[in-house]
Amino acid sequence: MICLLMLATGVHVGRARGRYGIKAPAISGHEMFERAYRIQMNTLENAAIVLPALWVNAAFISDRGAAMLGTVWLASRIWYALAYQHEPAKREPAFVLSMIAFTLLWLAAAYGIVRIIMHS
């Protein structure tokens, strides 16, 4: 599902390029395009660090717990994208929730790694 979110944000940027006449490789020129582009980049940046946490957490702690936190992260990133596109100033609550889920994923993953090392 995270990969689908990344795909959707990419499609959104492509559509915004056409709608606002932004020719590649330009990444600026119309505020609504720039929002779409930042949403995509923020999503990619966050996914690159949340996916490893998700996988490590699932492997060493709980696949169910990882799925639940991953779902919270995903839902909050969708909320973030929608808020950012509509009114950037209102994206903060979604960002905070996604960072809480991210932090809990990494804390659990780190605990799992330490537990495996200590019992080896």
PDB file of N, CA and C in Angstrom:
ATOM      1  N   MET A   1       0.812  -1.196   0.000  1.00  0.00           N
ATOM      2  CA  MET A   1       0.000   0.000   0.000  1.00  0.00           C
ATOM      3  C   MET A   1       0.860   1.267   0.000  1.00  0.00           C
ATOM      4  N   ILE A   2       1.984   1.229   0.681  1.00  0.00           N
ATOM      5  CA  ILE A   2       2.878   2.386   0.681  1.00  0.00           C
ATOM      6  C   ILE A   2       3.373   2.651  -0.734  1.00  0.00           C
ATOM      7  N   CYS A   3       3.678   1.590  -1.464  1.00  0.00           N
ATOM      8  CA  CYS A   3       4.113   1.750  -2.854  1.00  0.00           C
ATOM      9  C   CYS A   3       3.000   2.346  -3.714  1.00  0.00           C
ATOM     10  N   LEU A   4       1.759   1.993  -3.437  1.00  0.00           N
ATOM     11  CA  LEU A   4       0.640   2.588  -4.170  1.00  0.00           C
ATOM     12  C   LEU A   4       0.521   4.081  -3.869  1.00  0.00           C
ATOM     13  N   LEU A   5       0.777   4.461  -2.623  1.00  0.00           N
ATOM     14  CA  LEU A   5       0.777   5.882  -2.275  1.00  0.00           C
ATOM     15  C   LEU A   5       1.875   6.609  -3.051  1.00  0.00           C
ATOM     16  N   MET A   6       3.047   6.003  -3.120  1.00  0.00           N
ATOM     17  CA  MET A   6       4.139   6.623  -3.874  1.00  0.00           C
ATOM     18  C   MET A   6       3.762   6.750  -5.349  1.00  0.00           C
ATOM     19  N   LEU A   7       3.146   5.728  -5.906  1.00  0.00           N
ATOM     20  CA  LEU A   7       2.691   5.778  -7.291  1.00  0.00           C
ATOM     21  C   LEU A   7       1.644   6.870  -7.481  1.00  0.00           C
ATOM     22  N   ALA A   8       0.688   6.938  -6.582  1.00  0.00           N
ATOM     23  CA  ALA A   8      -0.380   7.941  -6.688  1.00  0.00           C
ATOM     24  C   ALA A   8       0.181   9.359  -6.636  1.00  0.00           C
ATOM     25  N   THR A   9       1.160   9.600  -5.787  1.00  0.00           N
ATOM     26  CA  THR A   9       1.731  10.948  -5.725  1.00  0.00           C
ATOM     27  C   THR A   9       2.496  11.272  -7.004  1.00  0.00           C
ATOM     28  N   GLY A  10       3.125  10.265  -7.591  1.00  0.00           N
ATOM     29  CA  GLY A  10       3.810  10.473  -8.872  1.00  0.00           C
ATOM     30  C   GLY A  10       2.833  10.797  -9.994  1.00  0.00           C
ATOM     31  N   VAL A  11       1.726  10.074 -10.036  1.00  0.00           N
ATOM     32  CA  VAL A  11       0.680  10.347 -11.034  1.00  0.00           C
ATOM     33  C   VAL A  11       0.121  11.758 -10.825  1.00  0.00           C
ATOM     34  N   HIS A  12      -0.064  12.130  -9.570  1.00  0.00           N
ATOM     35  CA  HIS A  12      -0.580  13.463  -9.257  1.00  0.00           C
ATOM     36  C   HIS A  12       0.366  14.548  -9.779  1.00  0.00           C
ATOM     37  N   VAL A  13       1.656  14.341  -9.627  1.00  0.00           N
ATOM     38  CA  VAL A  13       2.639  15.305 -10.130  1.00  0.00           C
ATOM     39  C   VAL A  13       2.572  15.367 -11.656  1.00  0.00           C
ATOM     40  N   GLY A  14       2.479  14.214 -12.296  1.00  0.00           N
ATOM     41  CA  GLY A  14       2.376  14.202 -13.756  1.00  0.00           C
ATOM     42  C   GLY A  14       1.159  14.971 -14.254  1.00  0.00           C
ATOM     43  N   ARG A  15       0.043  14.745 -13.607  1.00  0.00           N
ATOM     44  CA  ARG A  15      -1.182  15.486 -13.974  1.00  0.00           C
ATOM     45  C   ARG A  15      -1.017  16.985 -13.723  1.00  0.00           C
ATOM     46  N   ALA A  16      -0.397  17.324 -12.599  1.00  0.00           N
ATOM     47  CA  ALA A  16      -0.191  18.742 -12.289  1.00  0.00           C
ATOM     48  C   ALA A  16       0.745  19.389 -13.302  1.00  0.00           C
ATOM     49  N   ARG A  17       1.745  18.662 -13.781  1.00  0.00           N
ATOM     50  CA  ARG A  17       2.628  19.187 -14.831  1.00  0.00           C
ATOM     51  C   ARG A  17       1.805  19.601 -16.046  1.00  0.00           C
ATOM     52  N   GLY A  18       0.909  18.697 -16.463  1.00  0.00           N
ATOM     53  CA  GLY A  18       0.073  18.993 -17.618  1.00  0.00           C
ATOM     54  C   GLY A  18      -0.898  20.133 -17.359  1.00  0.00           C
ATOM     55  N   ARG A  19      -1.554  20.091 -16.220  1.00  0.00           N
ATOM     56  CA  ARG A  19      -2.574  21.093 -15.881  1.00  0.00           C
ATOM     57  C   ARG A  19      -1.989  22.502 -15.807  1.00  0.00           C
ATOM     58  N   TYR A  20      -0.783  22.615 -15.259  1.00  0.00           N
ATOM     59  CA  TYR A  20      -0.209  23.936 -15.026  1.00  0.00           C
ATOM     60  C   TYR A  20       0.914  24.287 -16.000  1.00  0.00           C
ATOM     61  N   GLY A  21       1.131  23.425 -17.005  1.00  0.00           N
ATOM     62  CA  GLY A  21       2.107  23.720 -18.053  1.00  0.00           C
ATOM     63  C   GLY A  21       3.546  23.759 -17.576  1.00  0.00           C
ATOM     64  N   ILE A  22       3.892  22.876 -16.651  1.00  0.00           N
ATOM     65  CA  ILE A  22       5.268  22.814 -16.144  1.00  0.00           C
ATOM     66  C   ILE A  22       6.009  21.729 -16.925  1.00  0.00           C
ATOM     67  N   LYS A  23       6.941  22.147 -17.770  1.00  0.00           N
ATOM     68  CA  LYS A  23       7.696  21.203 -18.602  1.00  0.00           C
ATOM     69  C   LYS A  23       8.871  20.638 -17.813  1.00  0.00           C
ATOM     70  N   ALA A  24       9.056  19.306 -17.904  1.00  0.00           N
ATOM     71  CA  ALA A  24      10.208  18.667 -17.257  1.00  0.00           C
ATOM     72  C   ALA A  24      11.475  19.215 -17.904  1.00  0.00           C
ATOM     73  N   PRO A  25      12.514  19.430 -17.163  1.00  0.00           N
ATOM     74  CA  PRO A  25      12.755  19.022 -15.781  1.00  0.00           C
ATOM     75  C   PRO A  25      12.408  20.087 -14.737  1.00  0.00           C
ATOM     76  N   ALA A  26      11.690  21.127 -15.120  1.00  0.00           N
ATOM     77  CA  ALA A  26      11.361  22.196 -14.167  1.00  0.00           C
ATOM     78  C   ALA A  26      10.582  21.635 -12.983  1.00  0.00           C
ATOM     79  N   ILE A  27      10.843  22.188 -11.812  1.00  0.00           N
ATOM     80  CA  ILE A  27      10.126  21.777 -10.597  1.00  0.00           C
ATOM     81  C   ILE A  27       9.489  22.966  -9.889  1.00  0.00           C
ATOM     82  N   SER A  28       9.357  24.057 -10.633  1.00  0.00           N
ATOM     83  CA  SER A  28       8.691  25.227 -10.072  1.00  0.00           C
ATOM     84  C   SER A  28       7.966  25.964 -11.191  1.00  0.00           C
ATOM     85  N   GLY A  29       7.079  26.856 -10.787  1.00  0.00           N
ATOM     86  CA  GLY A  29       6.391  27.645 -11.782  1.00  0.00           C
ATOM     87  C   GLY A  29       4.940  27.931 -11.452  1.00  0.00           C
ATOM     88  N   HIS A  30       4.301  27.046 -10.721  1.00  0.00           N
ATOM     89  CA  HIS A  30       2.917  27.270 -10.298  1.00  0.00           C
ATOM     90  C   HIS A  30       2.779  26.666  -8.909  1.00  0.00           C
ATOM     91  N   GLU A  31       2.174  27.427  -8.003  1.00  0.00           N
ATOM     92  CA  GLU A  31       2.083  26.981  -6.609  1.00  0.00           C
ATOM     93  C   GLU A  31       1.429  25.612  -6.463  1.00  0.00           C
ATOM     94  N   MET A  32       0.377  25.337  -7.202  1.00  0.00           N
ATOM     95  CA  MET A  32      -0.316  24.057  -7.059  1.00  0.00           C
ATOM     96  C   MET A  32       0.554  22.898  -7.557  1.00  0.00           C
ATOM     97  N   PHE A  33       1.334  23.138  -8.618  1.00  0.00           N
ATOM     98  CA  PHE A  33       2.276  22.112  -9.052  1.00  0.00           C
ATOM     99  C   PHE A  33       3.346  21.895  -7.991  1.00  0.00           C
ATOM    100  N   GLU A  34       3.863  22.981  -7.450  1.00  0.00           N
ATOM    101  CA  GLU A  34       4.916  22.871  -6.439  1.00  0.00           C
ATOM    102  C   GLU A  34       4.430  22.114  -5.208  1.00  0.00           C
ATOM    103  N   ARG A  35       3.182  22.301  -4.838  1.00  0.00           N
ATOM    104  CA  ARG A  35       2.619  21.528  -3.718  1.00  0.00           C
ATOM    105  C   ARG A  35       2.607  20.042  -4.068  1.00  0.00           C
ATOM    106  N   ALA A  36       2.116  19.722  -5.257  1.00  0.00           N
ATOM    107  CA  ALA A  36       2.064  18.315  -5.678  1.00  0.00           C
ATOM    108  C   ALA A  36       3.462  17.706  -5.681  1.00  0.00           C
ATOM    109  N   TYR A  37       4.428  18.457  -6.184  1.00  0.00           N
ATOM    110  CA  TYR A  37       5.811  17.973  -6.237  1.00  0.00           C
ATOM    111  C   TYR A  37       6.363  17.747  -4.827  1.00  0.00           C
ATOM    112  N   ARG A  38       6.125  18.692  -3.914  1.00  0.00           N
ATOM    113  CA  ARG A  38       6.620  18.533  -2.542  1.00  0.00           C
ATOM    114  C   ARG A  38       5.939  17.361  -1.842  1.00  0.00           C
ATOM    115  N   ILE A  39       4.662  17.164  -2.112  1.00  0.00           N
ATOM    116  CA  ILE A  39       3.966  16.010  -1.541  1.00  0.00           C
ATOM    117  C   ILE A  39       4.651  14.727  -1.999  1.00  0.00           C
ATOM    118  N   GLN A  40       4.940  14.640  -3.298  1.00  0.00           N
ATOM    119  CA  GLN A  40       5.601  13.445  -3.818  1.00  0.00           C
ATOM    120  C   GLN A  40       6.977  13.260  -3.184  1.00  0.00           C
ATOM    121  N   MET A  41       7.769  14.308  -3.136  1.00  0.00           N
ATOM    122  CA  MET A  41       9.113  14.187  -2.583  1.00  0.00           C
ATOM    123  C   MET A  41       9.069  13.844  -1.092  1.00  0.00           C
ATOM    124  N   ASN A  42       8.186  14.496  -0.353  1.00  0.00           N
ATOM    125  CA  ASN A  42       8.061  14.191   1.079  1.00  0.00           C
ATOM    126  C   ASN A  42       7.638  12.742   1.287  1.00  0.00           C
ATOM    127  N   THR A  43       6.736  12.257   0.444  1.00  0.00           N
ATOM    128  CA  THR A  43       6.287  10.868   0.549  1.00  0.00           C
ATOM    129  C   THR A  43       7.433   9.909   0.266  1.00  0.00           C
ATOM    130  N   LEU A  44       8.193  10.171  -0.799  1.00  0.00           N
ATOM    131  CA  LEU A  44       9.331   9.307  -1.121  1.00  0.00           C
ATOM    132  C   LEU A  44      10.385   9.321  -0.013  1.00  0.00           C
ATOM    133  N   GLU A  45      10.679  10.507   0.488  1.00  0.00           N
ATOM    134  CA  GLU A  45      11.673  10.629   1.565  1.00  0.00           C
ATOM    135  C   GLU A  45      11.243   9.845   2.802  1.00  0.00           C
ATOM    136  N   ASN A  46       9.990   9.963   3.161  1.00  0.00           N
ATOM    137  CA  ASN A  46       9.491   9.275   4.347  1.00  0.00           C
ATOM    138  C   ASN A  46       9.380   7.775   4.133  1.00  0.00           C
ATOM    139  N   ALA A  47       8.932   7.364   2.959  1.00  0.00           N
ATOM    140  CA  ALA A  47       8.798   5.932   2.681  1.00  0.00           C
ATOM    141  C   ALA A  47      10.155   5.238   2.738  1.00  0.00           C
ATOM    142  N   ALA A  48      11.188   5.926   2.276  1.00  0.00           N
ATOM    143  CA  ALA A  48      12.526   5.331   2.275  1.00  0.00           C
ATOM    144  C   ALA A  48      13.031   5.017   3.677  1.00  0.00           C
ATOM    145  N   ILE A  49      12.539   5.733   4.670  1.00  0.00           N
ATOM    146  CA  ILE A  49      12.983   5.451   6.038  1.00  0.00           C
ATOM    147  C   ILE A  49      11.959   4.675   6.851  1.00  0.00           C
ATOM    148  N   VAL A  50      10.695   4.672   6.420  1.00  0.00           N
ATOM    149  CA  VAL A  50       9.690   3.925   7.183  1.00  0.00           C
ATOM    150  C   VAL A  50       9.653   2.460   6.748  1.00  0.00           C
ATOM    151  N   LEU A  51       9.893   2.171   5.480  1.00  0.00           N
ATOM    152  CA  LEU A  51       9.814   0.778   5.023  1.00  0.00           C
ATOM    153  C   LEU A  51      10.805  -0.135   5.747  1.00  0.00           C
ATOM    154  N   PRO A  52      12.082   0.256   5.897  1.00  0.00           N
ATOM    155  CA  PRO A  52      12.981  -0.622   6.661  1.00  0.00           C
ATOM    156  C   PRO A  52      12.514  -0.835   8.100  1.00  0.00           C
ATOM    157  N   ALA A  53      12.000   0.200   8.727  1.00  0.00           N
ATOM    158  CA  ALA A  53      11.496   0.060  10.097  1.00  0.00           C
ATOM    159  C   ALA A  53      10.335  -0.915  10.141  1.00  0.00           C
ATOM    160  N   LEU A  54       9.478  -0.827   9.159  1.00  0.00           N
ATOM    161  CA  LEU A  54       8.326  -1.722   9.062  1.00  0.00           C
ATOM    162  C   LEU A  54       8.788  -3.176   8.929  1.00  0.00           C
ATOM    163  N   TRP A  55       9.743  -3.408   8.038  1.00  0.00           N
ATOM    164  CA  TRP A  55      10.218  -4.769   7.794  1.00  0.00           C
ATOM    165  C   TRP A  55      10.958  -5.343   9.009  1.00  0.00           C
ATOM    166  N   VAL A  56      11.815  -4.543   9.614  1.00  0.00           N
ATOM    167  CA  VAL A  56      12.563  -5.025  10.786  1.00  0.00           C
ATOM    168  C   VAL A  56      11.611  -5.293  11.939  1.00  0.00           C
ATOM    169  N   ASN A  57      10.679  -4.401  12.142  1.00  0.00           N
ATOM    170  CA  ASN A  57       9.687  -4.583  13.191  1.00  0.00           C
ATOM    171  C   ASN A  57       8.899  -5.877  12.958  1.00  0.00           C
ATOM    172  N   ALA A  58       8.453  -6.087  11.731  1.00  0.00           N
ATOM    173  CA  ALA A  58       7.688  -7.306  11.415  1.00  0.00           C
ATOM    174  C   ALA A  58       8.527  -8.554  11.621  1.00  0.00           C
ATOM    175  N   ALA A  59       9.790  -8.489  11.275  1.00  0.00           N
ATOM    176  CA  ALA A  59      10.662  -9.664  11.379  1.00  0.00           C
ATOM    177  C   ALA A  59      11.036 -10.004  12.818  1.00  0.00           C
ATOM    178  N   PHE A  60      11.293  -8.996  13.644  1.00  0.00           N
ATOM    179  CA  PHE A  60      11.843  -9.249  14.971  1.00  0.00           C
ATOM    180  C   PHE A  60      10.885  -9.008  16.132  1.00  0.00           C
ATOM    181  N   ILE A  61       9.766  -8.341  15.886  1.00  0.00           N
ATOM    182  CA  ILE A  61       8.833  -8.048  16.975  1.00  0.00           C
ATOM    183  C   ILE A  61       7.468  -8.642  16.679  1.00  0.00           C
ATOM    184  N   SER A  62       6.743  -8.045  15.763  1.00  0.00           N
ATOM    185  CA  SER A  62       5.378  -8.479  15.513  1.00  0.00           C
ATOM    186  C   SER A  62       4.926  -8.006  14.137  1.00  0.00           C
ATOM    187  N   ASP A  63       4.548  -8.955  13.294  1.00  0.00           N
ATOM    188  CA  ASP A  63       4.041  -8.540  11.993  1.00  0.00           C
ATOM    189  C   ASP A  63       2.706  -7.820  12.143  1.00  0.00           C
ATOM    190  N   ARG A  64       1.900  -8.224  13.109  1.00  0.00           N
ATOM    191  CA  ARG A  64       0.617  -7.552  13.355  1.00  0.00           C
ATOM    192  C   ARG A  64       0.839  -6.124  13.862  1.00  0.00           C
ATOM    193  N   GLY A  65       1.737  -5.968  14.812  1.00  0.00           N
ATOM    194  CA  GLY A  65       2.044  -4.637  15.328  1.00  0.00           C
ATOM    195  C   GLY A  65       2.630  -3.737  14.247  1.00  0.00           C
ATOM    196  N   ALA A  66       3.528  -4.303  13.435  1.00  0.00           N
ATOM    197  CA  ALA A  66       4.103  -3.534  12.331  1.00  0.00           C
ATOM    198  C   ALA A  66       3.016  -3.115  11.356  1.00  0.00           C
ATOM    199  N   ALA A  67       2.096  -4.027  11.068  1.00  0.00           N
ATOM    200  CA  ALA A  67       0.995  -3.701  10.150  1.00  0.00           C
ATOM    201  C   ALA A  67       0.115  -2.597  10.715  1.00  0.00           C
ATOM    202  N   MET A  68      -0.151  -2.657  11.997  1.00  0.00           N
ATOM    203  CA  MET A  68      -0.999  -1.627  12.602  1.00  0.00           C
ATOM    204  C   MET A  68      -0.314  -0.256  12.567  1.00  0.00           C
ATOM    205  N   LEU A  69       0.955  -0.209  12.965  1.00  0.00           N
ATOM    206  CA  LEU A  69       1.677   1.063  12.919  1.00  0.00           C
ATOM    207  C   LEU A  69       1.876   1.533  11.481  1.00  0.00           C
ATOM    208  N   GLY A  70       2.111   0.597  10.581  1.00  0.00           N
ATOM    209  CA  GLY A  70       2.238   0.946   9.166  1.00  0.00           C
ATOM    210  C   GLY A  70       0.951   1.522   8.611  1.00  0.00           C
ATOM    211  N   THR A  71      -0.174   0.997   9.066  1.00  0.00           N
ATOM    212  CA  THR A  71      -1.470   1.522   8.634  1.00  0.00           C
ATOM    213  C   THR A  71      -1.689   2.929   9.161  1.00  0.00           C
ATOM    214  N   VAL A  72      -1.297   3.169  10.402  1.00  0.00           N
ATOM    215  CA  VAL A  72      -1.402   4.528  10.960  1.00  0.00           C
ATOM    216  C   VAL A  72      -0.515   5.474  10.160  1.00  0.00           C
ATOM    217  N   TRP A  73       0.705   5.039   9.874  1.00  0.00           N
ATOM    218  CA  TRP A  73       1.615   5.873   9.089  1.00  0.00           C
ATOM    219  C   TRP A  73       1.017   6.171   7.718  1.00  0.00           C
ATOM    220  N   LEU A  74       0.528   5.134   7.043  1.00  0.00           N
ATOM    221  CA  LEU A  74      -0.043   5.294   5.711  1.00  0.00           C
ATOM    222  C   LEU A  74      -1.242   6.241   5.728  1.00  0.00           C
ATOM    223  N   ALA A  75      -2.154   6.028   6.653  1.00  0.00           N
ATOM    224  CA  ALA A  75      -3.341   6.890   6.745  1.00  0.00           C
ATOM    225  C   ALA A  75      -2.951   8.335   7.029  1.00  0.00           C
ATOM    226  N   SER A  76      -1.975   8.512   7.899  1.00  0.00           N
ATOM    227  CA  SER A  76      -1.561   9.883   8.219  1.00  0.00           C
ATOM    228  C   SER A  76      -0.844  10.541   7.045  1.00  0.00           C
ATOM    229  N   ARG A  77      -0.129   9.761   6.245  1.00  0.00           N
ATOM    230  CA  ARG A  77       0.540  10.330   5.058  1.00  0.00           C
ATOM    231  C   ARG A  77      -0.479  10.686   3.979  1.00  0.00           C
ATOM    232  N   ILE A  78      -1.552   9.911   3.869  1.00  0.00           N
ATOM    233  CA  ILE A  78      -2.617  10.268   2.931  1.00  0.00           C
ATOM    234  C   ILE A  78      -3.279  11.566   3.411  1.00  0.00           C
ATOM    235  N   TRP A  79      -3.572  11.628   4.701  1.00  0.00           N
ATOM    236  CA  TRP A  79      -4.135  12.843   5.297  1.00  0.00           C
ATOM    237  C   TRP A  79      -3.205  14.030   5.039  1.00  0.00           C
ATOM    238  N   TYR A  80      -1.901  13.817   5.263  1.00  0.00           N
ATOM    239  CA  TYR A  80      -0.891  14.850   5.033  1.00  0.00           C
ATOM    240  C   TYR A  80      -0.940  15.342   3.589  1.00  0.00           C
ATOM    241  N   ALA A  81      -0.973  14.407   2.636  1.00  0.00           N
ATOM    242  CA  ALA A  81      -0.983  14.778   1.217  1.00  0.00           C
ATOM    243  C   ALA A  81      -2.218  15.603   0.874  1.00  0.00           C
ATOM    244  N   LEU A  82      -3.361  15.164   1.345  1.00  0.00           N
ATOM    245  CA  LEU A  82      -4.599  15.895   1.065  1.00  0.00           C
ATOM    246  C   LEU A  82      -4.590  17.281   1.698  1.00  0.00           C
ATOM    247  N   ALA A  83      -4.130  17.348   2.944  1.00  0.00           N
ATOM    248  CA  ALA A  83      -4.067  18.637   3.631  1.00  0.00           C
ATOM    249  C   ALA A  83      -3.078  19.571   2.948  1.00  0.00           C
ATOM    250  N   TYR A  84      -1.904  19.043   2.587  1.00  0.00           N
ATOM    251  CA  TYR A  84      -0.870  19.865   1.951  1.00  0.00           C
ATOM    252  C   TYR A  84      -1.380  20.421   0.627  1.00  0.00           C
ATOM    253  N   GLN A  85      -2.048  19.603  -0.163  1.00  0.00           N
ATOM    254  CA  GLN A  85      -2.538  20.072  -1.450  1.00  0.00           C
ATOM    255  C   GLN A  85      -3.621  21.140  -1.280  1.00  0.00           C
ATOM    256  N   HIS A  86      -4.464  20.955  -0.287  1.00  0.00           N
ATOM    257  CA  HIS A  86      -5.562  21.900  -0.084  1.00  0.00           C
ATOM    258  C   HIS A  86      -5.103  23.182   0.618  1.00  0.00           C
ATOM    259  N   GLU A  87      -4.420  23.012   1.757  1.00  0.00           N
ATOM    260  CA  GLU A  87      -3.977  24.159   2.561  1.00  0.00           C
ATOM    261  C   GLU A  87      -2.734  23.749   3.348  1.00  0.00           C
ATOM    262  N   PRO A  88      -1.532  24.059   2.813  1.00  0.00           N
ATOM    263  CA  PRO A  88      -0.289  23.598   3.434  1.00  0.00           C
ATOM    264  C   PRO A  88      -0.164  23.873   4.933  1.00  0.00           C
ATOM    265  N   ALA A  89      -0.715  24.959   5.398  1.00  0.00           N
ATOM    266  CA  ALA A  89      -0.601  25.295   6.823  1.00  0.00           C
ATOM    267  C   ALA A  89      -1.330  24.297   7.716  1.00  0.00           C
ATOM    268  N   LYS A  90      -2.228  23.503   7.146  1.00  0.00           N
ATOM    269  CA  LYS A  90      -3.009  22.555   7.944  1.00  0.00           C
ATOM    270  C   LYS A  90      -2.457  21.130   7.898  1.00  0.00           C
ATOM    271  N   ARG A  91      -1.242  20.955   7.407  1.00  0.00           N
ATOM    272  CA  ARG A  91      -0.682  19.606   7.286  1.00  0.00           C
ATOM    273  C   ARG A  91       0.006  19.107   8.554  1.00  0.00           C
ATOM    274  N   GLU A  92       0.263  19.986   9.501  1.00  0.00           N
ATOM    275  CA  GLU A  92       1.057  19.628  10.678  1.00  0.00           C
ATOM    276  C   GLU A  92       0.489  18.474  11.506  1.00  0.00           C
ATOM    277  N   PRO A  93      -0.812  18.428  11.834  1.00  0.00           N
ATOM    278  CA  PRO A  93      -1.301  17.301  12.635  1.00  0.00           C
ATOM    279  C   PRO A  93      -1.055  15.946  11.959  1.00  0.00           C
ATOM    280  N   ALA A  94      -1.228  15.893  10.655  1.00  0.00           N
ATOM    281  CA  ALA A  94      -0.976  14.644   9.930  1.00  0.00           C
ATOM    282  C   ALA A  94       0.506  14.293   9.963  1.00  0.00           C
ATOM    283  N   PHE A  95       1.359  15.295   9.822  1.00  0.00           N
ATOM    284  CA  PHE A  95       2.800  15.077   9.892  1.00  0.00           C
ATOM    285  C   PHE A  95       3.192  14.532  11.258  1.00  0.00           C
ATOM    286  N   VAL A  96       2.668  15.133  12.313  1.00  0.00           N
ATOM    287  CA  VAL A  96       2.993  14.700  13.679  1.00  0.00           C
ATOM    288  C   VAL A  96       2.564  13.248  13.889  1.00  0.00           C
ATOM    289  N   LEU A  97       1.367  12.906  13.456  1.00  0.00           N
ATOM    290  CA  LEU A  97       0.896  11.525  13.604  1.00  0.00           C
ATOM    291  C   LEU A  97       1.775  10.555  12.836  1.00  0.00           C
ATOM    292  N   SER A  98       2.173  10.915  11.628  1.00  0.00           N
ATOM    293  CA  SER A  98       3.044  10.019  10.854  1.00  0.00           C
ATOM    294  C   SER A  98       4.400   9.860  11.537  1.00  0.00           C
ATOM    295  N   MET A  99       4.912  10.925  12.153  1.00  0.00           N
ATOM    296  CA  MET A  99       6.198  10.829  12.839  1.00  0.00           C
ATOM    297  C   MET A  99       6.091  10.004  14.121  1.00  0.00           C
ATOM    298  N   ILE A 100       4.951  10.051  14.782  1.00  0.00           N
ATOM    299  CA  ILE A 100       4.744   9.200  15.961  1.00  0.00           C
ATOM    300  C   ILE A 100       4.762   7.729  15.535  1.00  0.00           C
ATOM    301  N   ALA A 101       4.023   7.413  14.478  1.00  0.00           N
ATOM    302  CA  ALA A 101       4.006   6.026  13.986  1.00  0.00           C
ATOM    303  C   ALA A 101       5.402   5.605  13.561  1.00  0.00           C
ATOM    304  N   PHE A 102       6.103   6.470  12.844  1.00  0.00           N
ATOM    305  CA  PHE A 102       7.467   6.184  12.404  1.00  0.00           C
ATOM    306  C   PHE A 102       8.391   5.921  13.595  1.00  0.00           C
ATOM    307  N   THR A 103       8.322   6.783  14.597  1.00  0.00           N
ATOM    308  CA  THR A 103       9.173   6.637  15.775  1.00  0.00           C
ATOM    309  C   THR A 103       8.885   5.333  16.512  1.00  0.00           C
ATOM    310  N   LEU A 104       7.623   5.005  16.667  1.00  0.00           N
ATOM    311  CA  LEU A 104       7.266   3.749  17.335  1.00  0.00           C
ATOM    312  C   LEU A 104       7.735   2.537  16.529  1.00  0.00           C
ATOM    313  N   LEU A 105       7.636   2.623  15.211  1.00  0.00           N
ATOM    314  CA  LEU A 105       8.142   1.528  14.376  1.00  0.00           C
ATOM    315  C   LEU A 105       9.639   1.324  14.587  1.00  0.00           C
ATOM    316  N   TRP A 106      10.398   2.419  14.582  1.00  0.00           N
ATOM    317  CA  TRP A 106      11.841   2.290  14.744  1.00  0.00           C
ATOM    318  C   TRP A 106      12.238   1.899  16.164  1.00  0.00           C
ATOM    319  N   LEU A 107      11.531   2.387  17.153  1.00  0.00           N
ATOM    320  CA  LEU A 107      11.834   1.968  18.523  1.00  0.00           C
ATOM    321  C   LEU A 107      11.595   0.471  18.707  1.00  0.00           C
ATOM    322  N   ALA A 108      10.477  -0.006  18.186  1.00  0.00           N
ATOM    323  CA  ALA A 108      10.195  -1.441  18.277  1.00  0.00           C
ATOM    324  C   ALA A 108      11.215  -2.240  17.485  1.00  0.00           C
ATOM    325  N   ALA A 109      11.574  -1.754  16.305  1.00  0.00           N
ATOM    326  CA  ALA A 109      12.568  -2.450  15.485  1.00  0.00           C
ATOM    327  C   ALA A 109      13.917  -2.498  16.208  1.00  0.00           C
ATOM    328  N   ALA A 110      14.309  -1.384  16.790  1.00  0.00           N
ATOM    329  CA  ALA A 110      15.578  -1.347  17.526  1.00  0.00           C
ATOM    330  C   ALA A 110      15.539  -2.294  18.716  1.00  0.00           C
ATOM    331  N   TYR A 111      14.426  -2.323  19.428  1.00  0.00           N
ATOM    332  CA  TYR A 111      14.271  -3.255  20.542  1.00  0.00           C
ATOM    333  C   TYR A 111      14.410  -4.694  20.050  1.00  0.00           C
ATOM    334  N   GLY A 112      13.801  -4.997  18.934  1.00  0.00           N
ATOM    335  CA  GLY A 112      13.890  -6.347  18.372  1.00  0.00           C
ATOM    336  C   GLY A 112      15.314  -6.731  18.021  1.00  0.00           C
ATOM    337  N   ILE A 113      16.042  -5.798  17.440  1.00  0.00           N
ATOM    338  CA  ILE A 113      17.441  -6.065  17.073  1.00  0.00           C
ATOM    339  C   ILE A 113      18.279  -6.279  18.326  1.00  0.00           C
ATOM    340  N   VAL A 114      18.109  -5.413  19.323  1.00  0.00           N
ATOM    341  CA  VAL A 114      18.874  -5.541  20.577  1.00  0.00           C
ATOM    342  C   VAL A 114      18.540  -6.868  21.248  1.00  0.00           C
ATOM    343  N   ARG A 115      17.265  -7.233  21.258  1.00  0.00           N
ATOM    344  CA  ARG A 115      16.847  -8.497  21.871  1.00  0.00           C
ATOM    345  C   ARG A 115      17.504  -9.690  21.188  1.00  0.00           C
ATOM    346  N   ILE A 116      17.567  -9.662  19.871  1.00  0.00           N
ATOM    347  CA  ILE A 116      18.209 -10.756  19.126  1.00  0.00           C
ATOM    348  C   ILE A 116      19.700 -10.794  19.446  1.00  0.00           C
ATOM    349  N   ILE A 117      20.350  -9.668  19.487  1.00  0.00           N
ATOM    350  CA  ILE A 117      21.782  -9.612  19.773  1.00  0.00           C
ATOM    351  C   ILE A 117      22.066 -10.112  21.185  1.00  0.00           C
ATOM    352  N   MET A 118      21.254  -9.703  22.143  1.00  0.00           N
ATOM    353  CA  MET A 118      21.472 -10.087  23.540  1.00  0.00           C
ATOM    354  C   MET A 118      21.237 -11.589  23.782  1.00  0.00           C
ATOM    355  N   HIS A 119      20.382 -12.190  22.978  1.00  0.00           N
ATOM    356  CA  HIS A 119      20.100 -13.604  23.149  1.00  0.00           C
ATOM    357  C   HIS A 119      20.924 -14.506  22.234  1.00  0.00           C
ATOM    358  N   SER A 120      21.875 -13.910  21.551  1.00  0.00           N
ATOM    359  CA  SER A 120      22.726 -14.713  20.655  1.00  0.00           C
ATOM    360  C   SER A 120      23.903 -15.289  21.386  1.00  0.00           C
TER     361      SER A 120
END
